[in-house]
Amino acid sequence: MCDLTQIIKANDIRGLVPEEFDVEGARALGAAFADVIAAGRPDTQLTVAIGWDMRDSSPELATAFAEGVTWRGGDVVNLGLCSTDGLYYASGAWDMPGAMFTASHNPAQYNGIKLCGPGARPVGRDSGLADVRHLAEQYLTEGVPAATQTGTTSSSDVLTDYATHLRSLVDLSGIRPLKVVVDAGNAMAALTAPAVLGTEAGLADPGLDIVLMYPELDGSFPHHEPNPLVPENLLDLQAAVVAEQADVGLAFDGDADRCVVVDERGAAVSPSAITVIVALRELAAEKAAGRTGTVIHNLITSRAVPEYVEAGGGTAVRTPVGHSFMKAQMAAHDAVFGGEHSGHYYFRDFWFADTGMLAALHVLRALGEPEQTMTLSELAEVHTPYSTSGEINSRVSDVPEVLDRVRAAFAEDVAAGTVVVDDLDGLLLSHWSEPPRWWFNLRGSNTEPLLRLNVEAEDEDIMVKIRDGVLGIVRAEGRPDHQEEQ
């Protein structure tokens, strides 16, 4: 029987199929999700939008989930193959809850569910997911009770409406010619990129020269895993951008809600720089409308993000890492935009949900402005004033003990007031008020005995010194696991 305590994470559901996540678990989760959502909308007939990615296990799991919903009296609209932000579009435009079957960037043997409430509102551990788990565990043990009346099932394709909505938010007409290489990674960007950036959805030709890599949908991911944050998964795109003499490269993860950008030299552009570029465009639009815009960023984005936001007349609000925090703060502040260092980008005009494709449109518009003469590498460099380490993971046996050890190593500086301690998310120590400026954050993983380190400083030498010093303390007890830039 499916052990839901192992596969239900803080923000979604994820596990190996079928060892950890199977059709019985999906059916119980569908029934429980229907009951939890229906309890919050007692006067509305429940309808759930369900989409799935190209993984071999996705259709069967989605069908079982739909059975659970209809057994409990809810109706289902099957979207079929779609991206996660396509599912969010349906949830927002139709004001209905949704379930997206995907394991995002995980390898082929995994699958999972991203759940959302009506209007693409997040469903996480503190916003309904714990209730879903408890009820699903009961249904796994006792069986799913049948409702008085079984729900119905219908189908709808949202790709054209999704593409139309995104193109309405960023006008690409009149930009200078751009050559764009898109690594679809045999995943859902193979559907969304031609629809949004081209004419496959019946929209007007935006004039982009698109080179689409790995467009065949294949959940075994024959070319590389669908995680663009791992450097080796970007190698093919980077080589293609240089070979094609392209202006920009775009890489998407498995469910195509996250985007990583590569410049014309084949170098990955920091998501913090992308956050700044998009934020300044959104803030300018807010200012033109007579409003002061708010931008949300998580605490491991570059210090350049709040600095540029404030210089652009906006208000910057910081959150812990994680999409449930981002979405909650986006809604609470009616924020126009939010950026995470993981390549997730959130928009008020997209129901406060994340869509990497909309961020990509903003980048293309910024790069292609007729009066804009800089290359993408030059444009990114302008918005990347500091040196960063990327995210470095270390396997440790006792996360709290190591955090205490790092804290103790800086205790004298903290007591002297030269280093500031911040416990918003993990341990953040900052020496930013005077030179040499630096900060670092250490956060424990939610699912593994890992510590994730991010360091930023005003120059490379200081960053390396702080990075190596902290890693020396963290790894004093044993061997490092691996390093992964995020």
Protein backbone atom coordinates (compact mmCIF):
# COMPACT_ATOMS: atom_id res chain seq x y z
CA MET A 1 0.00 0.00 0.00
CA CYS A 2 1.17 3.52 -0.81
CA ASP A 3 2.91 5.22 2.16
CA LEU A 4 1.67 8.76 1.78
CA THR A 5 3.90 10.08 4.55
CA GLN A 6 6.89 9.32 2.31
CA ILE A 7 5.63 10.86 -0.93
CA ILE A 8 3.73 13.93 0.26
CA LYS A 9 6.24 16.76 0.56
CA ALA A 10 5.82 20.32 1.78
CA ASN A 11 4.41 21.58 -1.51
CA ASP A 12 3.53 18.59 -3.69
CA ILE A 13 3.49 14.81 -4.04
CA ARG A 14 6.49 12.96 -5.45
CA GLY A 15 7.67 9.34 -5.45
CA LEU A 16 8.96 6.33 -7.35
CA VAL A 17 6.37 4.52 -9.47
CA PRO A 18 5.05 2.00 -8.53
CA GLU A 19 7.18 1.30 -5.45
CA GLU A 20 6.11 4.47 -3.62
CA PHE A 21 3.28 5.92 -5.71
CA ASP A 22 0.69 3.77 -7.46
CA VAL A 23 -2.84 3.88 -8.85
CA GLU A 24 -4.46 3.03 -5.52
CA GLY A 25 -2.67 5.94 -3.91
CA ALA A 26 -3.66 8.25 -6.77
CA ARG A 27 -7.31 7.17 -6.50
CA ALA A 28 -7.39 7.77 -2.74
CA LEU A 29 -5.71 11.15 -3.19
CA GLY A 30 -8.26 12.15 -5.83
CA ALA A 31 -11.14 11.27 -3.53
CA ALA A 32 -9.56 13.07 -0.59
CA PHE A 33 -8.73 16.16 -2.67
CA ALA A 34 -12.34 16.30 -3.87
CA ASP A 35 -13.65 16.15 -0.31
CA VAL A 36 -11.24 18.77 1.06
CA ILE A 37 -11.92 21.23 -1.77
CA ALA A 38 -15.69 20.62 -1.69
CA ALA A 39 -15.78 21.31 2.06
CA GLY A 40 -14.48 24.81 1.37
CA ARG A 41 -17.06 25.45 -1.38
CA PRO A 42 -20.22 23.74 -0.12
CA ASP A 43 -22.56 25.66 -2.44
CA THR A 44 -20.61 24.98 -5.64
CA GLN A 45 -20.56 21.81 -7.73
CA LEU A 46 -16.96 20.64 -7.62
CA THR A 47 -15.09 20.45 -10.93
CA VAL A 48 -11.40 19.55 -11.05
CA ALA A 49 -9.08 20.21 -14.01
CA ILE A 50 -6.54 17.40 -14.47
CA GLY A 51 -3.47 17.50 -16.70
CA TRP A 52 -0.45 15.27 -17.13
CA ASP A 53 3.03 15.28 -18.58
CA MET A 54 4.72 12.85 -20.97
CA ARG A 55 5.90 10.31 -18.38
CA ASP A 56 4.76 6.77 -19.15
CA SER A 57 2.97 6.47 -15.81
CA SER A 58 1.14 9.80 -15.99
CA PRO A 59 -2.06 8.82 -17.88
CA GLU A 60 -2.80 5.82 -15.65
CA LEU A 61 -2.20 7.76 -12.45
CA ALA A 62 -4.27 10.71 -13.68
CA THR A 63 -7.13 8.36 -14.61
CA ALA A 64 -7.10 6.82 -11.13
CA PHE A 65 -7.11 10.27 -9.51
CA ALA A 66 -10.06 11.27 -11.70
CA GLU A 67 -11.91 8.13 -10.59
CA GLY A 68 -11.41 9.20 -6.98
CA VAL A 69 -12.83 12.65 -7.73
CA THR A 70 -15.89 11.32 -9.56
CA TRP A 71 -16.56 8.61 -6.96
CA ARG A 72 -16.90 11.43 -4.43
CA GLY A 73 -19.33 13.31 -6.67
CA GLY A 74 -16.96 15.79 -8.31
CA ASP A 75 -16.75 16.45 -12.03
CA VAL A 76 -13.49 16.24 -13.97
CA VAL A 77 -12.18 18.15 -16.98
CA ASN A 78 -9.27 16.26 -18.52
CA LEU A 79 -6.75 18.59 -20.14
CA GLY A 80 -4.59 15.75 -21.40
CA LEU A 81 -0.95 16.47 -22.10
CA CYS A 82 -0.07 19.94 -20.84
CA SER A 83 2.52 21.92 -18.92
CA THR A 84 2.07 22.75 -15.26
CA ASP A 85 1.57 26.41 -16.08
CA GLY A 86 -1.03 25.27 -18.63
CA LEU A 87 -2.87 23.60 -15.75
CA TYR A 88 -2.51 26.79 -13.71
CA TYR A 89 -3.98 28.73 -16.63
CA ALA A 90 -7.06 26.48 -16.65
CA SER A 91 -7.41 26.73 -12.86
CA GLY A 92 -7.16 30.52 -12.99
CA ALA A 93 -9.28 31.19 -16.08
CA TRP A 94 -12.02 28.75 -15.04
CA ASP A 95 -11.77 29.33 -11.28
CA MET A 96 -11.51 25.63 -10.51
CA PRO A 97 -9.08 23.45 -8.57
CA GLY A 98 -6.50 21.48 -10.48
CA ALA A 99 -4.16 18.51 -10.35
CA MET A 100 -1.07 18.22 -12.54
CA PHE A 101 0.58 14.81 -12.83
CA THR A 102 4.30 15.36 -13.11
CA ALA A 103 7.53 14.79 -11.26
CA SER A 104 8.87 18.05 -12.67
CA HIS A 105 12.66 17.80 -12.95
CA ASN A 106 13.01 14.33 -11.37
CA PRO A 107 14.22 11.28 -13.37
CA ALA A 108 11.88 9.12 -15.45
CA GLN A 109 11.02 6.57 -12.76
CA TYR A 110 9.38 9.26 -10.58
CA ASN A 111 5.94 10.80 -10.78
CA GLY A 112 3.79 13.00 -8.60
CA ILE A 113 1.04 15.60 -8.36
CA LYS A 114 1.03 19.37 -8.09
CA LEU A 115 -2.30 20.44 -6.62
CA CYS A 116 -3.90 23.87 -6.66
CA GLY A 117 -7.14 25.38 -5.47
CA PRO A 118 -9.52 27.50 -7.55
CA GLY A 119 -7.76 30.44 -9.16
CA ALA A 120 -4.43 28.53 -9.13
CA ARG A 121 -4.11 29.08 -5.38
CA PRO A 122 -1.41 26.89 -3.82
CA VAL A 123 -2.22 23.71 -1.94
CA GLY A 124 0.68 22.92 0.35
CA ARG A 125 1.28 21.38 3.74
CA ASP A 126 -0.24 24.37 5.55
CA SER A 127 -2.94 25.08 2.97
CA GLY A 128 -4.82 21.82 2.64
CA LEU A 129 -2.27 19.18 1.65
CA ALA A 130 -2.00 17.78 5.20
CA ASP A 131 -5.80 17.39 5.27
CA VAL A 132 -5.69 15.62 1.91
CA ARG A 133 -3.05 13.22 3.21
CA HIS A 134 -4.96 12.33 6.38
CA LEU A 135 -8.17 11.66 4.48
CA ALA A 136 -6.41 9.71 1.72
CA GLU A 137 -4.75 7.49 4.33
CA GLN A 138 -8.21 6.71 5.70
CA TYR A 139 -9.50 5.87 2.22
CA LEU A 140 -6.52 3.62 1.53
CA THR A 141 -7.32 1.65 4.66
CA GLU A 142 -11.12 1.64 4.55
CA GLY A 143 -11.85 2.15 0.85
CA VAL A 144 -13.28 5.17 -0.94
CA PRO A 145 -16.98 5.62 -0.13
CA ALA A 146 -19.25 6.28 -3.09
CA ALA A 147 -21.12 9.57 -3.22
CA THR A 148 -24.89 9.72 -3.75
CA GLN A 149 -24.28 10.77 -7.35
CA THR A 150 -21.15 10.01 -9.36
CA GLY A 151 -19.46 12.92 -11.10
CA THR A 152 -18.95 13.34 -14.83
CA THR A 153 -15.82 13.46 -17.00
CA SER A 154 -15.17 15.68 -20.01
CA SER A 155 -12.14 16.82 -21.99
CA SER A 156 -10.75 20.20 -23.05
CA ASP A 157 -7.59 21.47 -24.73
CA VAL A 158 -6.28 24.74 -23.26
CA LEU A 159 -3.07 25.12 -25.26
CA THR A 160 -4.37 27.82 -27.62
CA ASP A 161 -6.07 29.81 -24.86
CA TYR A 162 -2.96 29.49 -22.68
CA ALA A 163 -0.71 30.74 -25.49
CA THR A 164 -3.10 33.56 -26.32
CA HIS A 165 -3.15 34.73 -22.71
CA LEU A 166 0.64 34.78 -22.42
CA ARG A 167 1.07 36.60 -25.73
CA SER A 168 -1.49 39.19 -24.58
CA LEU A 169 0.74 40.01 -21.60
CA VAL A 170 3.95 40.55 -23.60
CA ASP A 171 3.71 42.04 -27.07
CA LEU A 172 6.53 40.75 -29.27
CA SER A 173 5.50 42.74 -32.32
CA GLY A 174 8.11 45.16 -33.58
CA ILE A 175 11.11 43.57 -31.88
CA ARG A 176 14.32 43.15 -33.82
CA PRO A 177 14.97 39.68 -35.29
CA LEU A 178 16.13 37.16 -32.69
CA LYS A 179 17.36 33.62 -33.11
CA VAL A 180 16.25 31.47 -30.18
CA VAL A 181 17.32 27.91 -29.39
CA VAL A 182 14.84 26.06 -27.17
CA ASP A 183 15.81 22.81 -25.44
CA ALA A 184 12.45 21.11 -24.91
CA GLY A 185 14.23 18.12 -23.39
CA ASN A 186 11.65 15.64 -24.81
CA ALA A 187 9.25 17.20 -22.32
CA MET A 188 6.26 19.54 -22.20
CA ALA A 189 8.05 22.58 -23.65
CA ALA A 190 7.86 20.64 -26.92
CA LEU A 191 4.17 21.61 -26.88
CA THR A 192 4.28 25.02 -25.23
CA ALA A 193 7.27 26.60 -26.99
CA PRO A 194 5.95 26.22 -30.57
CA ALA A 195 2.52 27.41 -29.41
CA VAL A 196 3.71 30.52 -27.56
CA LEU A 197 6.87 31.45 -29.48
CA GLY A 198 5.65 30.30 -32.88
CA THR A 199 2.43 29.72 -34.79
CA GLU A 200 1.43 26.19 -33.71
CA ALA A 201 -1.52 27.54 -31.68
CA GLY A 202 -2.77 29.62 -34.60
CA LEU A 203 -1.37 32.90 -33.28
CA ALA A 204 0.35 35.54 -35.37
CA ASP A 205 3.98 34.88 -36.23
CA PRO A 206 6.10 36.87 -33.72
CA GLY A 207 9.04 36.83 -36.11
CA LEU A 208 11.37 34.71 -34.00
CA ASP A 209 13.78 32.25 -35.62
CA ILE A 210 13.20 29.21 -33.38
CA VAL A 211 15.49 26.18 -33.26
CA LEU A 212 13.70 23.49 -31.24
CA MET A 213 15.84 20.77 -29.71
CA TYR A 214 14.52 17.35 -28.65
CA PRO A 215 10.87 17.99 -29.59
CA GLU A 216 9.73 14.35 -29.35
CA LEU A 217 7.71 13.72 -26.18
CA ASP A 218 9.53 10.91 -24.38
CA GLY A 219 9.22 10.36 -20.64
CA SER A 220 12.39 8.29 -20.59
CA PHE A 221 14.38 11.50 -21.32
CA PRO A 222 16.84 9.91 -23.76
CA HIS A 223 19.08 12.96 -24.11
CA HIS A 224 19.33 14.31 -20.58
CA GLU A 225 17.33 14.52 -17.36
CA PRO A 226 14.74 17.32 -17.30
CA ASN A 227 16.51 19.46 -14.72
CA PRO A 228 18.10 22.58 -16.29
CA LEU A 229 19.67 23.57 -12.97
CA VAL A 230 22.18 20.73 -13.26
CA PRO A 231 25.04 22.08 -15.40
CA GLU A 232 25.54 18.93 -17.49
CA ASN A 233 21.90 19.07 -18.59
CA LEU A 234 22.58 22.45 -20.22
CA LEU A 235 25.59 21.34 -22.27
CA ASP A 236 23.64 20.48 -25.43
CA LEU A 237 21.78 23.79 -25.38
CA GLN A 238 24.93 25.77 -24.72
CA ALA A 239 26.72 24.11 -27.63
CA ALA A 240 23.73 24.64 -29.93
CA VAL A 241 23.43 28.34 -29.09
CA VAL A 242 27.06 28.89 -30.05
CA ALA A 243 26.86 26.69 -33.17
CA GLU A 244 23.67 28.40 -34.36
CA GLN A 245 25.04 31.85 -33.52
CA ALA A 246 21.79 32.40 -31.66
CA ASP A 247 20.91 35.39 -29.53
CA VAL A 248 19.51 33.36 -26.63
CA GLY A 249 18.84 29.83 -25.45
CA LEU A 250 15.92 28.66 -23.30
CA ALA A 251 15.83 25.44 -21.28
CA PHE A 252 12.72 24.17 -19.52
CA ASP A 253 12.22 21.45 -16.93
CA GLY A 254 10.01 18.39 -17.40
CA ASP A 255 6.68 20.11 -16.79
CA ALA A 256 7.85 23.34 -18.48
CA ASP A 257 7.01 25.70 -15.63
CA ARG A 258 10.64 26.59 -14.95
CA CYS A 259 12.99 28.33 -17.36
CA VAL A 260 16.77 28.72 -17.46
CA VAL A 261 18.26 31.23 -19.91
CA VAL A 262 21.55 30.89 -21.81
CA ASP A 263 23.28 33.89 -23.40
CA GLU A 264 24.79 34.14 -26.88
CA ARG A 265 28.17 32.89 -25.59
CA GLY A 266 26.57 29.71 -24.24
CA ALA A 267 26.79 30.81 -20.60
CA ALA A 268 23.88 30.31 -18.21
CA VAL A 269 22.37 33.59 -17.04
CA SER A 270 21.80 33.88 -13.30
CA PRO A 271 18.10 33.59 -12.40
CA SER A 272 18.68 36.63 -10.18
CA ALA A 273 19.64 38.64 -13.27
CA ILE A 274 16.52 37.36 -15.05
CA THR A 275 14.50 38.37 -11.99
CA VAL A 276 15.91 41.90 -12.21
CA ILE A 277 15.29 42.19 -15.96
CA VAL A 278 11.66 41.05 -15.65
CA ALA A 279 11.04 43.02 -12.44
CA LEU A 280 12.16 46.29 -14.01
CA ARG A 281 9.79 45.75 -16.95
CA GLU A 282 6.86 44.99 -14.66
CA LEU A 283 7.67 47.92 -12.38
CA ALA A 284 7.85 50.28 -15.34
CA ALA A 285 4.36 49.15 -16.40
CA GLU A 286 3.09 49.69 -12.86
CA LYS A 287 4.61 53.15 -12.75
CA ALA A 288 3.02 54.04 -16.09
CA ALA A 289 -0.34 53.04 -14.61
CA GLY A 290 0.25 55.25 -11.57
CA ARG A 291 0.97 52.40 -9.19
CA THR A 292 3.93 51.40 -7.02
CA GLY A 293 4.73 47.78 -7.71
CA THR A 294 5.85 45.11 -5.25
CA VAL A 295 8.29 42.35 -6.19
CA ILE A 296 8.73 39.17 -4.12
CA HIS A 297 12.09 37.39 -4.00
CA ASN A 298 13.39 34.55 -1.88
CA LEU A 299 16.29 35.02 0.47
CA ILE A 300 18.93 33.31 -1.72
CA THR A 301 18.46 35.62 -4.69
CA SER A 302 21.21 38.17 -5.22
CA ARG A 303 21.23 41.33 -3.12
CA ALA A 304 21.07 43.04 -6.51
CA VAL A 305 17.39 42.07 -6.77
CA PRO A 306 16.06 44.28 -3.94
CA GLU A 307 18.57 46.99 -4.82
CA TYR A 308 17.36 47.23 -8.42
CA VAL A 309 13.71 46.89 -7.40
CA GLU A 310 14.00 49.82 -4.99
CA ALA A 311 16.00 51.86 -7.52
CA GLY A 312 13.20 51.20 -9.99
CA GLY A 313 10.65 52.69 -7.64
CA GLY A 314 9.27 49.37 -6.38
CA THR A 315 9.01 47.64 -3.04
CA ALA A 316 10.98 44.42 -2.49
CA VAL A 317 9.63 41.75 -0.13
CA ARG A 318 11.74 38.75 0.87
CA THR A 319 10.45 35.24 1.63
CA PRO A 320 11.84 31.84 2.59
CA VAL A 321 12.66 29.44 -0.25
CA GLY A 322 9.69 27.51 -1.67
CA HIS A 323 6.79 28.15 -4.01
CA SER A 324 4.14 28.01 -1.28
CA PHE A 325 5.86 30.94 0.47
CA MET A 326 6.27 32.81 -2.81
CA LYS A 327 2.63 32.40 -3.83
CA ALA A 328 1.36 33.34 -0.37
CA GLN A 329 3.43 36.53 -0.34
CA MET A 330 2.50 37.35 -3.93
CA ALA A 331 -1.18 37.26 -3.00
CA ALA A 332 -0.73 38.99 0.37
CA HIS A 333 1.07 41.97 -1.20
CA ASP A 334 -0.76 41.95 -4.55
CA ALA A 335 2.75 41.75 -6.00
CA VAL A 336 3.21 42.30 -9.70
CA PHE A 337 6.08 39.80 -9.96
CA GLY A 338 8.15 37.32 -7.99
CA GLY A 339 11.41 35.53 -8.74
CA GLU A 340 13.17 32.55 -7.20
CA HIS A 341 16.78 31.58 -7.71
CA SER A 342 15.54 28.16 -8.88
CA GLY A 343 14.18 29.62 -12.13
CA HIS A 344 10.54 29.85 -11.03
CA TYR A 345 8.89 33.18 -11.87
CA TYR A 346 5.50 34.34 -10.58
CA PHE A 347 3.13 36.93 -12.04
CA ARG A 348 0.08 38.77 -10.75
CA ASP A 349 -1.32 38.60 -14.26
CA PHE A 350 -1.04 34.79 -14.06
CA TRP A 351 -3.03 34.39 -10.85
CA PHE A 352 0.16 34.80 -8.78
CA ALA A 353 1.32 31.42 -10.14
CA ASP A 354 4.64 30.55 -11.75
CA THR A 355 5.25 30.36 -15.48
CA GLY A 356 8.71 30.19 -16.98
CA MET A 357 7.31 30.80 -20.46
CA LEU A 358 5.99 34.24 -19.51
CA ALA A 359 9.40 35.11 -18.03
CA ALA A 360 10.99 33.99 -21.30
CA LEU A 361 8.67 36.32 -23.24
CA HIS A 362 9.77 39.23 -21.06
CA VAL A 363 13.43 38.40 -21.68
CA LEU A 364 12.85 38.22 -25.44
CA ARG A 365 11.04 41.55 -25.42
CA ALA A 366 13.77 43.21 -23.33
CA LEU A 367 16.50 41.79 -25.55
CA GLY A 368 14.65 42.60 -28.78
CA GLU A 369 13.64 46.20 -28.08
CA PRO A 370 14.58 48.12 -31.26
CA GLU A 371 16.63 50.68 -29.32
CA GLN A 372 18.36 47.96 -27.25
CA THR A 373 21.83 47.25 -28.69
CA MET A 374 23.40 45.07 -25.98
CA THR A 375 23.81 41.32 -26.31
CA LEU A 376 22.18 39.17 -23.66
CA SER A 377 25.51 38.60 -21.92
CA GLU A 378 26.03 42.37 -21.72
CA LEU A 379 22.47 42.94 -20.54
CA ALA A 380 22.85 40.26 -17.86
CA GLU A 381 26.22 41.57 -16.72
CA VAL A 382 24.72 44.98 -16.04
CA HIS A 383 22.32 43.31 -13.61
CA THR A 384 24.88 40.97 -11.99
CA PRO A 385 27.13 43.22 -9.89
CA TYR A 386 28.16 40.62 -7.30
CA SER A 387 29.94 37.26 -7.24
CA THR A 388 27.95 34.17 -6.24
CA SER A 389 28.78 30.57 -5.45
CA GLY A 390 25.69 28.89 -6.82
CA GLU A 391 24.01 26.35 -4.55
CA ILE A 392 26.40 23.78 -3.07
CA ASN A 393 25.03 20.67 -1.34
CA SER A 394 26.83 18.82 1.44
CA ARG A 395 25.69 15.54 2.99
CA VAL A 396 25.90 15.65 6.78
CA SER A 397 24.79 13.26 9.50
CA ASP A 398 23.23 15.88 11.79
CA VAL A 399 21.93 19.05 10.15
CA PRO A 400 21.09 20.99 13.37
CA GLU A 401 24.49 20.16 14.89
CA VAL A 402 26.36 21.43 11.84
CA LEU A 403 24.28 24.62 11.75
CA ASP A 404 25.13 25.20 15.42
CA ARG A 405 28.80 24.65 14.66
CA VAL A 406 28.76 27.23 11.87
CA ARG A 407 26.87 29.67 14.06
CA ALA A 408 29.45 29.24 16.82
CA ALA A 409 32.32 29.91 14.41
CA PHE A 410 30.93 33.42 13.80
CA ALA A 411 29.74 34.07 17.36
CA GLU A 412 32.39 36.70 18.14
CA ASP A 413 31.59 38.67 14.98
CA VAL A 414 27.90 38.49 15.78
CA ALA A 415 28.51 39.68 19.33
CA ALA A 416 30.61 42.57 18.00
CA GLY A 417 27.79 43.58 15.69
CA THR A 418 29.81 43.22 12.49
CA VAL A 419 27.86 40.14 11.33
CA VAL A 420 24.07 39.94 11.44
CA VAL A 421 22.20 36.68 12.03
CA ASP A 422 18.94 36.01 10.16
CA ASP A 423 16.88 32.86 10.85
CA LEU A 424 14.11 33.42 8.31
CA ASP A 425 15.07 30.24 6.45
CA GLY A 426 17.93 28.17 7.77
CA LEU A 427 20.94 30.19 8.93
CA LEU A 428 21.86 33.41 7.12
CA LEU A 429 24.88 35.39 8.23
CA SER A 430 25.50 38.77 6.65
CA HIS A 431 28.35 41.27 6.57
CA TRP A 432 26.78 43.68 4.10
CA SER A 433 26.74 47.05 5.85
CA GLU A 434 30.44 47.76 5.16
CA PRO A 435 33.32 46.33 3.08
CA PRO A 436 34.20 43.58 2.53
CA ARG A 437 30.53 42.80 1.88
CA TRP A 438 29.34 39.20 1.90
CA TRP A 439 26.53 36.95 3.08
CA PHE A 440 25.82 33.25 3.11
CA ASN A 441 22.83 31.04 3.78
CA LEU A 442 22.79 27.43 4.95
CA ARG A 443 19.45 25.58 4.67
CA GLY A 444 18.62 21.99 5.44
CA SER A 445 16.81 19.92 2.81
CA ASN A 446 13.21 18.92 3.60
CA THR A 447 13.77 15.35 2.42
CA GLU A 448 17.49 14.49 2.73
CA PRO A 449 20.34 14.97 5.24
CA LEU A 450 21.75 17.77 3.11
CA LEU A 451 22.83 21.31 3.80
CA ARG A 452 22.52 23.77 0.92
CA LEU A 453 25.01 26.64 0.88
CA ASN A 454 24.66 29.88 -1.09
CA VAL A 455 27.29 32.61 -0.85
CA GLU A 456 27.42 36.09 -2.36
CA ALA A 457 30.10 38.77 -2.03
CA GLU A 458 31.13 42.02 -3.63
CA ASP A 459 33.96 40.29 -5.51
CA GLU A 460 35.19 36.81 -6.42
CA ASP A 461 38.06 36.65 -3.91
CA ILE A 462 35.82 37.41 -0.94
CA MET A 463 33.17 34.98 -2.15
CA VAL A 464 35.72 32.16 -2.49
CA LYS A 465 37.16 32.89 0.94
CA ILE A 466 33.75 32.78 2.65
CA ARG A 467 32.59 29.77 0.60
CA ASP A 468 35.65 27.68 1.37
CA GLY A 469 35.68 28.70 5.02
CA VAL A 470 32.06 27.70 5.57
CA LEU A 471 32.45 24.45 3.62
CA GLY A 472 35.47 23.61 5.73
CA ILE A 473 33.32 23.84 8.85
CA VAL A 474 30.36 22.00 7.31
CA ARG A 475 32.39 19.15 5.87
CA ALA A 476 34.77 18.66 8.77
CA GLU A 477 32.86 15.56 9.83
CA GLY A 478 32.88 13.69 6.52
CA ARG A 479 32.83 13.59 2.78
CA PRO A 480 30.92 16.03 0.56
CA ASP A 481 28.01 14.56 -1.36
CA HIS A 482 27.89 16.65 -4.51
CA GLN A 483 27.78 20.17 -5.77
CA GLU A 484 24.92 21.57 -7.78
CA GLU A 485 24.59 25.12 -9.00
CA GLN A 486 21.09 26.54 -8.70
